[in-house]
């Protein structure tokens, strides 16, 4: 082994020493989707804002009335289907989008009327309506039986949606979750036929074009009102106050560019590899971050893949996908592999959701303890899948075919005598009766978590 010291220049995204985004006005009138495409081609994306500090870095005034920003509320994710996006309908009990796609909307619902309706009631005939979450209604809670069946309970006390949610979580499981027609009938039977009641369906309107989870908003005093029911894209005025607008309107727009800076890291490697080799350096750099593919599931139970053009570690990419979609890409057949391939740029290496937990113990133990030598495990030559330890009890990986001394372990056993008294008509000297009793005792111990126990018994002579 050789110890080599090297300096690697790494592009650091959104480093704290510089503003995370630079903003650019584009004096070209396009609709929202065209503006989004332009920004993604020329910069990073349509503008995202995390705080008032971001807005303060914009020019204080500009010469036009309204400009597109990256905030939108795509109706395809909530109006025409239950959806699987971050602004789609979710059940309170899971915080996740619908697994079955079951829905029972009233006519012309959901409509996000006046930009205020993000919670759901069940009305007469079991039809659903989206309603302002601050309105007070009675509500349905639910709990799950031992047979994994949902039972619904009417609480005839008017509360806001969030207060009803808290009540149900404190006293039952959650606000009613309804995933199929049978459950819908059960819920309908649980409430009075004339009551409108809260159920557990809700959504978080408005998402950022770049997938950011920023909850910052700076709506104009009249806010987002969804006037006419078709204002699903956001624009800002010359005072940087926001309004919802029809997405097909032509407006100038604001892009952002993710700032990058060059940082030098001093790294010390103990390795036989030649760190001056460009290929070796590239492999090391690849350990840090990749762009990645998320996936969502459609109402037809098909996977759709989303390319995220932001390098992250695998675990950070996994968290991002779980927060904003379903998870890192899951690919189970050739057709899905083609869909995933088409979703990413042809030259990109991207994370997908496949992983493993290396190293297992011979006896099947689940212990996660390790004590690797400082140079650790390197699988040198690609075939060192067995563990050894040195005289200081530090571990290394080695070829399994090498002959070495070894360490065994013995699980300590002890014999315990229990005195049991049976009041029974059966003949305890009968081997079949004894076997049946031992079998039942063995099952009883196993159900209590006792394993690896061998039972024997003898009958004490009467005194």
Protein backbone atom coordinates (compact mmCIF):
# COMPACT_ATOMS: atom_id res chain seq x y z
CA UNK A 1 0.00 0.00 0.00
CA UNK A 2 1.16 3.54 -0.76
CA UNK A 3 0.03 6.73 0.91
CA UNK A 4 -0.58 9.47 -1.62
CA UNK A 5 -1.85 12.99 -1.09
CA UNK A 6 -3.77 14.74 -3.81
CA UNK A 7 -5.86 17.84 -4.40
CA UNK A 8 -9.15 17.53 -6.20
CA UNK A 9 -11.15 20.44 -7.62
CA UNK A 10 -14.83 19.80 -7.13
CA UNK A 11 -17.74 21.90 -8.39
CA UNK A 12 -19.82 22.70 -5.33
CA UNK A 13 -23.48 23.53 -5.96
CA UNK A 14 -25.27 26.06 -3.75
CA UNK A 15 -22.27 26.62 -1.50
CA UNK A 16 -22.86 28.99 1.37
CA UNK A 17 -20.16 31.43 0.28
CA UNK A 18 -22.23 32.61 -2.71
CA UNK A 19 -25.97 33.16 -3.24
CA UNK A 20 -27.61 29.82 -4.18
CA UNK A 21 -29.39 31.34 -7.18
CA UNK A 22 -28.75 34.16 -9.61
CA UNK A 23 -31.84 35.73 -11.20
CA UNK A 24 -32.25 36.94 -14.78
CA UNK A 25 -35.10 38.91 -16.35
CA UNK A 26 -35.90 37.74 -19.87
CA UNK A 27 -37.64 40.43 -21.91
CA UNK A 28 -39.43 37.98 -24.18
CA UNK A 29 -43.21 37.41 -23.97
CA UNK A 30 -43.98 33.66 -23.75
CA UNK A 31 -46.63 31.53 -22.09
CA UNK A 32 -45.66 29.82 -18.82
CA UNK A 33 -44.68 26.47 -20.37
CA UNK A 34 -42.59 28.16 -23.07
CA UNK A 35 -40.90 30.32 -20.44
CA UNK A 36 -40.14 27.19 -18.39
CA UNK A 37 -38.55 25.49 -21.41
CA UNK A 38 -36.51 28.61 -22.27
CA UNK A 39 -35.14 28.88 -18.71
CA UNK A 40 -34.23 25.20 -18.61
CA UNK A 41 -32.35 25.49 -21.88
CA UNK A 42 -30.53 28.78 -21.13
CA UNK A 43 -30.26 28.76 -17.32
CA UNK A 44 -31.45 26.28 -14.68
CA UNK A 45 -35.21 26.84 -14.44
CA UNK A 46 -37.99 29.38 -14.00
CA UNK A 47 -37.33 31.37 -10.86
CA UNK A 48 -37.72 29.78 -7.43
CA UNK A 49 -37.71 31.93 -4.27
CA UNK A 50 -37.01 30.65 -0.77
CA UNK A 51 -37.36 33.88 1.20
CA UNK A 52 -37.73 37.66 1.11
CA UNK A 53 -33.93 37.80 0.88
CA UNK A 54 -34.21 36.17 -2.54
CA UNK A 55 -36.75 38.76 -3.65
CA UNK A 56 -34.56 41.59 -2.36
CA UNK A 57 -31.80 40.45 -4.71
CA UNK A 58 -34.07 41.17 -7.67
CA UNK A 59 -33.98 44.59 -9.26
CA UNK A 60 -36.29 46.83 -7.20
CA UNK A 61 -38.41 47.83 -10.22
CA UNK A 62 -38.79 46.75 -13.81
CA UNK A 63 -40.58 48.26 -16.76
CA UNK A 64 -43.37 45.73 -17.29
CA UNK A 65 -46.43 44.84 -15.21
CA UNK A 66 -46.14 41.11 -14.66
CA UNK A 67 -43.47 38.42 -15.14
CA UNK A 68 -43.75 34.65 -14.88
CA UNK A 69 -42.03 32.86 -11.97
CA UNK A 70 -41.60 29.11 -11.42
CA UNK A 71 -44.64 28.55 -9.20
CA UNK A 72 -47.56 26.61 -10.69
CA UNK A 73 -50.45 24.35 -9.68
CA UNK A 74 -50.81 21.93 -12.58
CA UNK A 75 -54.48 20.83 -12.67
CA UNK A 76 -53.51 17.51 -14.26
CA UNK A 77 -52.13 16.53 -10.85
CA UNK A 78 -55.37 17.14 -8.90
CA UNK A 79 -58.34 18.18 -11.07
CA UNK A 80 -58.63 15.43 -13.66
CA UNK A 81 -57.26 12.60 -11.48
CA UNK A 82 -56.19 11.88 -7.90
CA UNK A 83 -52.61 12.35 -9.12
CA UNK A 84 -49.18 11.36 -7.83
CA UNK A 85 -47.42 14.74 -7.71
CA UNK A 86 -46.51 16.97 -4.77
CA UNK A 87 -49.68 19.07 -5.29
CA UNK A 88 -51.96 16.02 -5.69
CA UNK A 89 -54.57 14.76 -3.25
CA UNK A 90 -53.23 12.92 -0.20
CA UNK A 91 -54.70 10.96 2.67
CA UNK A 92 -54.02 12.29 6.13
CA UNK A 93 -53.38 8.80 7.55
CA UNK A 94 -50.40 8.18 5.25
CA UNK A 95 -49.39 11.62 3.95
CA UNK A 96 -49.20 9.91 0.56
CA UNK A 97 -51.16 10.11 -2.66
CA UNK A 98 -53.90 7.58 -3.36
CA UNK A 99 -52.69 4.02 -3.89
CA UNK A 100 -55.86 2.94 -5.71
CA UNK A 101 -57.01 6.09 -7.50
CA UNK A 102 -60.53 5.66 -6.07
CA UNK A 103 -62.55 8.91 -6.11
CA UNK A 104 -66.14 10.03 -5.66
CA UNK A 105 -66.21 13.71 -6.65
CA UNK A 106 -69.41 15.71 -6.98
CA UNK A 107 -70.01 17.34 -10.36
CA UNK A 108 -67.61 20.23 -11.15
CA UNK A 109 -65.38 19.18 -8.24
CA UNK A 110 -62.63 19.59 -7.33
CA UNK A 111 -62.42 23.20 -8.54
CA UNK A 112 -60.17 24.99 -5.99
CA UNK A 113 -62.80 27.76 -5.82
CA UNK A 114 -61.32 31.20 -5.06
CA UNK A 115 -57.97 29.51 -4.53
CA UNK A 116 -59.02 28.46 -1.02
CA UNK A 117 -60.25 24.86 -1.19
CA UNK A 118 -57.65 22.25 -0.29
CA UNK A 119 -59.57 19.91 2.07
CA UNK A 120 -62.43 17.51 1.31
CA UNK A 121 -65.89 16.79 2.69
CA UNK A 122 -68.28 13.93 1.98
CA UNK A 123 -71.81 15.16 1.37
CA UNK A 124 -75.19 13.67 0.52
CA UNK A 125 -74.95 10.48 -1.51
CA UNK A 126 -71.29 10.17 -0.53
CA UNK A 127 -70.08 12.71 -3.08
CA UNK A 128 -66.86 14.60 -2.33
CA UNK A 129 -66.35 18.37 -2.44
CA UNK A 130 -63.18 20.41 -2.00
CA UNK A 131 -63.77 23.04 0.71
CA UNK A 132 -61.89 25.78 2.59
CA UNK A 133 -60.01 23.93 5.37
CA UNK A 134 -60.95 26.58 7.97
CA UNK A 135 -64.68 25.89 7.64
CA UNK A 136 -66.25 23.93 10.52
CA UNK A 137 -68.00 20.60 9.90
CA UNK A 138 -68.66 17.33 11.77
CA UNK A 139 -66.25 14.62 10.65
CA UNK A 140 -65.52 10.94 10.20
CA UNK A 141 -62.63 9.26 12.01
CA UNK A 142 -61.51 5.69 11.38
CA UNK A 143 -59.62 2.90 13.08
CA UNK A 144 -58.37 -0.49 11.84
CA UNK A 145 -59.53 -3.79 13.32
CA UNK A 146 -57.38 -6.86 13.94
CA UNK A 147 -58.68 -8.17 10.60
CA UNK A 148 -57.19 -5.07 8.92
CA UNK A 149 -60.67 -3.67 8.22
CA UNK A 150 -61.41 0.05 8.48
CA UNK A 151 -64.24 1.09 10.81
CA UNK A 152 -65.66 4.62 10.53
CA UNK A 153 -66.92 6.75 13.42
CA UNK A 154 -69.05 9.91 13.11
CA UNK A 155 -68.02 12.77 15.41
CA UNK A 156 -71.00 15.11 15.54
CA UNK A 157 -69.00 18.16 16.57
CA UNK A 158 -68.16 20.90 14.07
CA UNK A 159 -64.42 21.66 13.77
CA UNK A 160 -61.96 22.92 11.18
CA UNK A 161 -60.23 20.24 9.13
CA UNK A 162 -56.95 20.46 11.08
CA UNK A 163 -58.76 20.35 14.46
CA UNK A 164 -60.77 17.35 13.27
CA UNK A 165 -57.54 15.68 12.14
CA UNK A 166 -55.99 16.19 15.58
CA UNK A 167 -59.08 14.82 17.33
CA UNK A 168 -59.09 11.68 15.20
CA UNK A 169 -55.37 11.11 15.67
CA UNK A 170 -55.74 11.47 19.43
CA UNK A 171 -58.79 9.24 19.84
CA UNK A 172 -58.77 6.88 16.83
CA UNK A 173 -56.30 6.46 13.97
CA UNK A 174 -56.98 9.46 11.71
CA UNK A 175 -59.58 11.22 9.62
CA UNK A 176 -61.44 8.80 7.35
CA UNK A 177 -59.36 7.17 4.60
CA UNK A 178 -61.44 5.68 1.75
CA UNK A 179 -59.68 3.62 -0.90
CA UNK A 180 -62.39 1.57 -2.60
CA UNK A 181 -66.15 1.29 -3.14
CA UNK A 182 -66.73 -1.02 -0.16
CA UNK A 183 -64.99 1.41 2.21
CA UNK A 184 -66.91 4.28 0.62
CA UNK A 185 -70.19 2.50 1.40
CA UNK A 186 -69.06 1.84 4.99
CA UNK A 187 -68.16 5.50 5.47
CA UNK A 188 -71.42 6.66 3.93
CA UNK A 189 -73.41 4.41 6.28
CA UNK A 190 -71.51 5.78 9.29
CA UNK A 191 -72.68 9.36 8.76
CA UNK A 192 -76.13 10.92 8.75
CA UNK A 193 -77.51 11.09 5.22
CA UNK A 194 -77.89 14.88 5.43
CA UNK A 195 -74.53 15.66 6.99
CA UNK A 196 -71.55 17.07 5.17
CA UNK A 197 -68.49 15.74 7.01
CA UNK A 198 -64.74 16.09 6.78
CA UNK A 199 -62.74 13.11 5.48
CA UNK A 200 -58.96 12.75 5.45
CA UNK A 201 -58.30 13.94 1.89
CA UNK A 202 -56.26 17.13 1.39
CA UNK A 203 -53.58 18.61 -0.81
CA UNK A 204 -50.78 21.21 -0.75
CA UNK A 205 -51.43 23.52 -3.75
CA UNK A 206 -48.62 25.11 -5.77
CA UNK A 207 -45.25 23.59 -6.63
CA UNK A 208 -42.00 25.00 -7.98
CA UNK A 209 -40.87 24.17 -11.50
CA UNK A 210 -37.44 22.97 -10.32
CA UNK A 211 -38.93 20.58 -7.76
CA UNK A 212 -37.91 22.74 -4.81
CA UNK A 213 -39.89 22.18 -1.61
CA UNK A 214 -39.80 25.87 -0.64
CA UNK A 215 -43.05 26.89 1.12
CA UNK A 216 -42.29 30.62 0.82
CA UNK A 217 -45.10 32.67 -0.76
CA UNK A 218 -45.51 36.41 -1.37
CA UNK A 219 -49.03 36.69 -2.74
CA UNK A 220 -50.54 40.04 -3.70
CA UNK A 221 -53.12 41.21 -1.06
CA UNK A 222 -55.94 39.75 -3.16
CA UNK A 223 -53.82 36.60 -3.23
CA UNK A 224 -54.39 33.58 -5.42
CA UNK A 225 -58.11 33.47 -6.20
CA UNK A 226 -58.20 31.10 -9.19
CA UNK A 227 -60.56 33.52 -10.91
CA UNK A 228 -62.56 31.71 -13.57
CA UNK A 229 -61.18 28.39 -12.32
CA UNK A 230 -58.19 28.37 -14.69
CA UNK A 231 -55.44 30.44 -13.05
CA UNK A 232 -52.78 27.83 -12.35
CA UNK A 233 -49.50 29.71 -12.93
CA UNK A 234 -47.88 32.46 -10.84
CA UNK A 235 -46.49 35.82 -11.91
CA UNK A 236 -44.99 38.70 -9.97
CA UNK A 237 -45.61 42.43 -10.37
CA UNK A 238 -43.10 45.29 -10.30
CA UNK A 239 -43.25 45.32 -6.48
CA UNK A 240 -42.50 41.58 -6.39
CA UNK A 241 -46.00 40.66 -5.16
CA UNK A 242 -47.45 37.50 -6.72
CA UNK A 243 -50.72 36.63 -8.40
CA UNK A 244 -52.18 33.55 -10.06
CA UNK A 245 -52.73 33.88 -13.81
CA UNK A 246 -53.92 31.88 -16.81
CA UNK A 247 -50.88 29.84 -17.93
CA UNK A 248 -51.49 30.47 -21.64
CA UNK A 249 -51.01 34.23 -21.26
CA UNK A 250 -47.88 35.77 -22.81
CA UNK A 251 -45.56 37.43 -20.31
CA UNK A 252 -41.91 38.22 -19.79
CA UNK A 253 -40.32 36.03 -17.15
CA UNK A 254 -37.57 35.48 -14.59
CA UNK A 255 -35.13 32.58 -14.76
CA UNK A 256 -32.67 31.48 -12.13
CA UNK A 257 -29.23 29.95 -12.44
CA UNK A 258 -27.91 27.71 -9.67
CA UNK A 259 -24.62 29.24 -8.59
CA UNK A 260 -21.53 27.08 -8.64
CA UNK A 261 -18.12 27.65 -7.16
CA UNK A 262 -14.89 25.75 -7.29
CA UNK A 263 -13.65 24.35 -4.00
CA UNK A 264 -10.35 22.56 -3.38
CA UNK A 265 -10.49 19.59 -1.03
CA UNK A 266 -7.36 18.02 0.41
CA UNK A 267 -7.79 14.27 0.45
CA UNK A 268 -5.43 11.60 1.74
CA UNK A 269 -5.67 8.12 0.21
CA UNK A 270 -3.96 4.88 1.17
CA UNK A 271 -4.15 2.98 -2.10
CA UNK A 272 -2.24 1.14 -4.80
CA UNK A 273 -4.08 3.06 -7.51
CA UNK A 274 -2.39 5.80 -9.52
CA UNK A 275 -4.23 8.97 -8.52
CA UNK A 276 -2.65 10.86 -11.41
CA UNK A 277 -4.61 8.63 -13.79
CA UNK A 278 -7.59 10.66 -15.12
CA UNK A 279 -9.79 7.56 -15.09
CA UNK A 280 -9.05 6.91 -11.41
CA UNK A 281 -9.76 10.55 -10.54
CA UNK A 282 -13.02 10.39 -12.45
CA UNK A 283 -14.08 7.27 -10.54
CA UNK A 284 -13.36 9.00 -7.23
CA UNK A 285 -15.32 12.08 -8.22
CA UNK A 286 -18.25 9.91 -9.24
CA UNK A 287 -18.58 8.80 -5.61
CA UNK A 288 -19.77 12.26 -4.60
CA UNK A 289 -22.88 13.09 -6.63
CA UNK A 290 -24.98 12.20 -9.66
CA UNK A 291 -28.15 13.51 -11.18
CA UNK A 292 -30.98 11.03 -10.68
CA UNK A 293 -34.32 9.59 -11.77
CA UNK A 294 -37.41 9.68 -9.55
CA UNK A 295 -40.62 7.87 -10.38
CA UNK A 296 -44.34 8.30 -9.79
CA UNK A 297 -47.25 5.91 -10.34
CA UNK A 298 -50.15 6.92 -12.59
CA UNK A 299 -53.83 6.15 -12.05
CA UNK A 300 -53.38 3.26 -14.49
CA UNK A 301 -50.67 1.88 -12.16
CA UNK A 302 -47.91 2.67 -14.66
CA UNK A 303 -44.59 4.11 -13.57
CA UNK A 304 -43.53 7.47 -14.95
CA UNK A 305 -39.92 8.61 -14.59
CA UNK A 306 -38.72 12.14 -13.82
CA UNK A 307 -35.16 13.32 -14.47
CA UNK A 308 -33.79 15.62 -11.72
CA UNK A 309 -30.87 17.62 -13.08
CA UNK A 310 -29.31 18.33 -9.68
CA UNK A 311 -26.33 16.22 -8.56
CA UNK A 312 -26.78 14.63 -5.12
CA UNK A 313 -25.52 11.66 -3.16
CA UNK A 314 -27.68 8.53 -3.43
CA UNK A 315 -29.29 9.01 -0.01
CA UNK A 316 -30.02 12.71 -0.65
CA UNK A 317 -31.52 11.80 -4.04
CA UNK A 318 -33.63 9.13 -2.34
CA UNK A 319 -34.95 11.68 0.18
CA UNK A 320 -35.69 14.20 -2.57
CA UNK A 321 -37.68 11.65 -4.59
CA UNK A 322 -39.63 10.53 -1.53
CA UNK A 323 -40.49 14.14 -0.66
CA UNK A 324 -41.50 15.20 -4.16
CA UNK A 325 -42.52 12.05 -6.06
CA UNK A 326 -42.69 8.44 -4.90
CA UNK A 327 -39.07 7.25 -4.71
CA UNK A 328 -35.87 6.77 -6.69
CA UNK A 329 -36.54 5.00 -9.99
CA UNK A 330 -37.74 1.40 -9.67
CA UNK A 331 -37.31 -0.63 -12.89
CA UNK A 332 -38.82 -4.12 -13.06
CA UNK A 333 -38.98 -5.03 -16.72
CA UNK A 334 -37.57 -4.14 -20.15
CA UNK A 335 -40.42 -1.74 -20.97
CA UNK A 336 -39.84 0.25 -17.78
CA UNK A 337 -36.10 0.28 -18.49
CA UNK A 338 -36.81 1.88 -21.87
CA UNK A 339 -39.11 4.47 -20.24
CA UNK A 340 -36.40 5.33 -17.70
CA UNK A 341 -33.76 5.51 -20.44
CA UNK A 342 -35.90 7.91 -22.44
CA UNK A 343 -36.46 10.12 -19.39
CA UNK A 344 -32.78 10.98 -18.95
CA UNK A 345 -30.29 12.73 -21.22
CA UNK A 346 -28.46 10.12 -23.27
CA UNK A 347 -25.01 10.99 -21.91
CA UNK A 348 -25.97 11.24 -18.23
CA UNK A 349 -25.13 8.74 -15.52
CA UNK A 350 -27.99 8.86 -13.02
CA UNK A 351 -28.89 7.30 -9.69
CA UNK A 352 -31.73 4.76 -9.66
CA UNK A 353 -33.29 3.12 -6.61
CA UNK A 354 -31.28 -0.12 -6.58
CA UNK A 355 -29.01 -0.73 -3.56
CA UNK A 356 -27.83 -3.45 -1.23
CA UNK A 357 -26.50 -3.91 2.30
CA UNK A 358 -23.07 -5.57 1.88
CA UNK A 359 -21.58 -8.06 4.34
CA UNK A 360 -23.55 -10.66 6.30
CA UNK A 361 -22.61 -12.92 9.21
CA UNK A 362 -22.21 -16.66 8.65
CA UNK A 363 -24.71 -17.54 11.41
CA UNK A 364 -27.37 -15.19 10.01
CA UNK A 365 -26.96 -12.65 12.80
CA UNK A 366 -28.24 -9.14 12.04
CA UNK A 367 -25.42 -7.40 13.93
CA UNK A 368 -24.33 -4.20 12.16
CA UNK A 369 -21.09 -3.85 14.16
CA UNK A 370 -17.90 -3.54 12.06
CA UNK A 371 -14.28 -2.78 12.92
CA UNK A 372 -12.51 -2.31 9.59
CA UNK A 373 -8.80 -1.50 9.32
CA UNK A 374 -8.20 2.22 8.50
CA UNK A 375 -7.75 1.36 4.83
CA UNK A 376 -11.05 -0.44 5.22
CA UNK A 377 -12.59 -2.65 2.61
CA UNK A 378 -11.48 -2.02 -0.95
CA UNK A 379 -12.39 -5.30 -2.71
CA UNK A 380 -8.98 -5.09 -4.37
CA UNK A 381 -9.02 -6.88 -7.69
CA UNK A 382 -12.80 -7.23 -7.45
CA UNK A 383 -12.76 -10.52 -5.54
CA UNK A 384 -12.29 -10.02 -1.78
CA UNK A 385 -15.67 -11.00 -0.34
CA UNK A 386 -14.58 -12.60 3.00
CA UNK A 387 -13.57 -10.90 6.26
CA UNK A 388 -10.41 -11.42 8.35
CA UNK A 389 -8.98 -9.76 11.44
CA UNK A 390 -5.38 -8.95 12.42
CA UNK A 391 -3.68 -9.21 15.82
CA UNK A 392 -5.16 -5.84 16.82
CA UNK A 393 -8.64 -7.15 15.97
CA UNK A 394 -8.96 -4.83 12.97
CA UNK A 395 -10.70 -6.26 9.94
CA UNK A 396 -9.88 -6.47 6.25
CA UNK A 397 -11.49 -8.04 3.20
CA UNK A 398 -9.65 -10.95 1.55
CA UNK A 399 -10.03 -13.64 -1.09
CA UNK A 400 -12.05 -16.52 0.32
CA UNK A 401 -9.72 -19.12 -1.28
CA UNK A 402 -6.72 -18.06 0.87
CA UNK A 403 -5.93 -20.52 3.67
CA UNK A 404 -5.85 -18.87 7.12
CA UNK A 405 -6.35 -19.82 10.75
CA UNK A 406 -9.77 -18.81 11.97
CA UNK A 407 -11.96 -17.97 14.93
CA UNK A 408 -15.12 -19.93 15.78
CA UNK A 409 -17.83 -19.11 18.28
CA UNK A 410 -19.91 -21.35 20.49
CA UNK A 411 -23.39 -20.34 21.63
CA UNK A 412 -23.58 -21.08 25.34
CA UNK A 413 -26.37 -23.41 26.36
CA UNK A 414 -27.75 -24.25 29.75
CA UNK A 415 -30.20 -26.75 31.09
CA UNK A 416 -33.14 -25.46 33.13
CA UNK A 417 -35.53 -27.68 35.03
CA UNK A 418 -39.11 -26.50 35.44
CA UNK A 419 -41.49 -28.25 37.78
CA UNK A 420 -45.03 -28.28 36.35
CA UNK A 421 -48.20 -29.64 37.85
CA UNK A 422 -50.94 -30.88 35.48
CA UNK A 423 -54.51 -31.60 36.47
CA UNK A 424 -55.55 -33.76 33.55
CA UNK A 425 -57.44 -36.96 32.81
CA UNK A 426 -54.96 -38.01 30.12
CA UNK A 427 -52.30 -40.65 30.74
CA UNK A 428 -49.03 -38.67 30.99
CA UNK A 429 -47.06 -41.87 30.54
CA UNK A 430 -48.48 -42.18 27.03
CA UNK A 431 -45.73 -41.06 24.57
CA UNK A 432 -48.33 -39.49 22.25
CA UNK A 433 -49.76 -37.36 25.08
CA UNK A 434 -46.28 -36.29 26.15
CA UNK A 435 -45.42 -35.33 22.54
CA UNK A 436 -48.61 -33.24 22.21
CA UNK A 437 -47.91 -31.36 25.45
CA UNK A 438 -44.29 -30.72 24.45
CA UNK A 439 -45.44 -29.42 21.04
CA UNK A 440 -47.86 -26.95 22.66
CA UNK A 441 -45.20 -25.76 25.11
CA UNK A 442 -42.76 -25.29 22.22
CA UNK A 443 -45.32 -23.18 20.32
CA UNK A 444 -46.00 -21.11 23.45
CA UNK A 445 -42.30 -20.37 23.91
CA UNK A 446 -41.82 -19.55 20.21
CA UNK A 447 -44.72 -17.06 20.27
CA UNK A 448 -42.94 -15.32 23.15
CA UNK A 449 -39.77 -14.94 21.12
CA UNK A 450 -37.85 -17.90 22.60
CA UNK A 451 -36.01 -19.82 19.91
CA UNK A 452 -33.40 -22.60 19.79
CA UNK A 453 -34.91 -24.33 22.84
CA UNK A 454 -35.16 -28.11 23.14
CA UNK A 455 -37.71 -29.48 25.59
CA UNK A 456 -37.50 -32.79 27.44
CA UNK A 457 -39.41 -33.99 30.43
CA UNK A 458 -39.56 -36.69 33.06
CA UNK A 459 -42.33 -37.57 35.47
CA UNK A 460 -41.33 -37.37 39.10
CA UNK A 461 -42.40 -40.33 41.16
CA UNK A 462 -45.11 -39.74 43.70
CA UNK A 463 -43.84 -39.13 47.20
